[in-house]
Amino acid sequence: MSSLLIRFLSEEIGQGMTEYVLITSIIVLAVFITVKAMGEAVTNLLTRALDAL
């Protein structure tokens, strides 16, 4: 099992997989931050609309 892991990590395929994981992580983080920021904006908009009523 450990020889399979060592071979996987030493091959270029393993390097490519690591790059894909990092890119995916960055995208997920960006989406999370965007949704969080937009969520607060929508909440503020709805609160102001309810206060106006």
N, C-alpha and C. Protein backbone atom coordinates (compact mmCIF):
# COMPACT_ATOMS: atom_id res chain seq x y z
N MET A 1 0.83 -1.19 0.00
CA MET A 1 0.00 0.00 0.00
C MET A 1 0.87 1.25 0.00
N SER A 2 1.91 1.27 0.83
CA SER A 2 2.76 2.46 0.90
C SER A 2 3.54 2.65 -0.40
N SER A 3 3.92 1.55 -1.07
CA SER A 3 4.63 1.70 -2.34
C SER A 3 3.72 2.30 -3.40
N LEU A 4 2.45 1.97 -3.36
CA LEU A 4 1.49 2.56 -4.29
C LEU A 4 1.35 4.05 -4.04
N LEU A 5 1.29 4.45 -2.78
CA LEU A 5 1.19 5.86 -2.43
C LEU A 5 2.44 6.61 -2.84
N ILE A 6 3.61 6.04 -2.60
CA ILE A 6 4.87 6.68 -2.99
C ILE A 6 4.94 6.83 -4.50
N ARG A 7 4.55 5.80 -5.23
CA ARG A 7 4.56 5.88 -6.69
C ARG A 7 3.58 6.94 -7.18
N PHE A 8 2.41 7.00 -6.56
CA PHE A 8 1.40 7.99 -6.95
C PHE A 8 1.91 9.41 -6.72
N LEU A 9 2.54 9.64 -5.57
CA LEU A 9 3.03 10.98 -5.24
C LEU A 9 4.23 11.39 -6.08
N SER A 10 5.01 10.42 -6.56
CA SER A 10 6.20 10.76 -7.32
C SER A 10 5.94 10.94 -8.81
N GLU A 11 4.82 10.45 -9.30
CA GLU A 11 4.50 10.58 -10.72
C GLU A 11 3.89 11.94 -11.01
N GLU A 12 3.93 12.32 -12.27
CA GLU A 12 3.36 13.59 -12.68
C GLU A 12 1.84 13.60 -12.52
N ILE A 13 1.23 12.45 -12.63
CA ILE A 13 -0.22 12.37 -12.46
C ILE A 13 -0.60 12.85 -11.06
N GLY A 14 0.18 12.45 -10.08
CA GLY A 14 -0.07 12.89 -8.71
C GLY A 14 0.09 14.38 -8.57
N GLN A 15 1.05 14.95 -9.27
CA GLN A 15 1.26 16.40 -9.23
C GLN A 15 0.07 17.11 -9.85
N GLY A 16 -0.41 16.59 -10.97
CA GLY A 16 -1.58 17.19 -11.62
C GLY A 16 -2.80 17.12 -10.73
N MET A 17 -2.96 15.99 -10.04
CA MET A 17 -4.10 15.82 -9.15
C MET A 17 -4.02 16.83 -8.00
N THR A 18 -2.84 17.05 -7.49
CA THR A 18 -2.65 18.03 -6.41
C THR A 18 -3.01 19.42 -6.90
N GLU A 19 -2.62 19.75 -8.11
CA GLU A 19 -2.96 21.07 -8.67
C GLU A 19 -4.47 21.22 -8.81
N TYR A 20 -5.14 20.17 -9.27
CA TYR A 20 -6.59 20.24 -9.40
C TYR A 20 -7.26 20.41 -8.05
N VAL A 21 -6.76 19.75 -7.04
CA VAL A 21 -7.32 19.89 -5.69
C VAL A 21 -7.14 21.31 -5.19
N LEU A 22 -5.97 21.89 -5.40
CA LEU A 22 -5.72 23.27 -4.97
C LEU A 22 -6.62 24.26 -5.70
N ILE A 23 -6.75 24.09 -7.01
CA ILE A 23 -7.60 24.99 -7.79
C ILE A 23 -9.05 24.85 -7.34
N THR A 24 -9.51 23.62 -7.14
CA THR A 24 -10.87 23.40 -6.68
C THR A 24 -11.10 24.02 -5.31
N SER A 25 -10.12 23.91 -4.43
CA SER A 25 -10.24 24.50 -3.09
C SER A 25 -10.36 26.02 -3.17
N ILE A 26 -9.57 26.63 -4.04
CA ILE A 26 -9.62 28.09 -4.20
C ILE A 26 -10.98 28.51 -4.75
N ILE A 27 -11.50 27.76 -5.72
CA ILE A 27 -12.81 28.08 -6.29
C ILE A 27 -13.91 27.94 -5.24
N VAL A 28 -13.86 26.87 -4.46
CA VAL A 28 -14.86 26.67 -3.41
C VAL A 28 -14.80 27.79 -2.39
N LEU A 29 -13.60 28.20 -2.02
CA LEU A 29 -13.44 29.30 -1.06
C LEU A 29 -14.00 30.60 -1.63
N ALA A 30 -13.73 30.88 -2.90
CA ALA A 30 -14.24 32.09 -3.54
C ALA A 30 -15.76 32.08 -3.60
N VAL A 31 -16.35 30.94 -3.92
CA VAL A 31 -17.81 30.83 -3.97
C VAL A 31 -18.40 31.03 -2.58
N PHE A 32 -17.78 30.44 -1.58
CA PHE A 32 -18.27 30.58 -0.20
C PHE A 32 -18.25 32.05 0.23
N ILE A 33 -17.16 32.74 -0.04
CA ILE A 33 -17.04 34.15 0.34
C ILE A 33 -18.07 34.99 -0.41
N THR A 34 -18.25 34.72 -1.70
CA THR A 34 -19.22 35.47 -2.49
C THR A 34 -20.64 35.26 -1.99
N VAL A 35 -20.99 34.01 -1.72
CA VAL A 35 -22.34 33.72 -1.22
C VAL A 35 -22.55 34.37 0.14
N LYS A 36 -21.54 34.33 0.98
CA LYS A 36 -21.67 34.96 2.30
C LYS A 36 -21.87 36.47 2.16
N ALA A 37 -21.10 37.10 1.28
CA ALA A 37 -21.22 38.55 1.08
C ALA A 37 -22.58 38.89 0.46
N MET A 38 -23.01 38.12 -0.51
CA MET A 38 -24.30 38.38 -1.16
C MET A 38 -25.45 38.11 -0.19
N GLY A 39 -25.28 37.14 0.68
CA GLY A 39 -26.32 36.83 1.65
C GLY A 39 -26.57 38.00 2.59
N GLU A 40 -25.50 38.63 3.02
CA GLU A 40 -25.64 39.79 3.90
C GLU A 40 -26.29 40.95 3.17
N ALA A 41 -25.96 41.14 1.90
CA ALA A 41 -26.55 42.22 1.12
C ALA A 41 -28.04 41.99 0.93
N VAL A 42 -28.42 40.76 0.66
CA VAL A 42 -29.84 40.44 0.48
C VAL A 42 -30.58 40.62 1.79
N THR A 43 -29.99 40.19 2.88
CA THR A 43 -30.62 40.36 4.19
C THR A 43 -30.84 41.84 4.50
N ASN A 44 -29.84 42.66 4.24
CA ASN A 44 -29.97 44.10 4.47
C ASN A 44 -31.06 44.70 3.59
N LEU A 45 -31.13 44.28 2.34
CA LEU A 45 -32.15 44.79 1.42
C LEU A 45 -33.55 44.44 1.91
N LEU A 46 -33.73 43.18 2.33
CA LEU A 46 -35.05 42.77 2.82
C LEU A 46 -35.41 43.47 4.13
N THR A 47 -34.43 43.69 4.97
CA THR A 47 -34.69 44.39 6.23
C THR A 47 -35.14 45.82 5.96
N ARG A 48 -34.47 46.49 5.04
CA ARG A 48 -34.87 47.88 4.70
C ARG A 48 -36.26 47.90 4.07
N ALA A 49 -36.57 46.90 3.25
CA ALA A 49 -37.90 46.85 2.63
C ALA A 49 -38.98 46.64 3.70
N LEU A 50 -38.71 45.77 4.66
CA LEU A 50 -39.69 45.55 5.73
C LEU A 50 -39.83 46.77 6.62
N ASP A 51 -38.75 47.49 6.87
CA ASP A 51 -38.81 48.70 7.68
C ASP A 51 -39.61 49.78 6.97
N ALA A 52 -39.53 49.81 5.65
CA ALA A 52 -40.26 50.81 4.87
C ALA A 52 -41.75 50.56 4.90
N LEU A 53 -42.16 49.32 5.12
CA LEU A 53 -43.60 49.01 5.16
C LEU A 53 -44.15 49.49 6.48
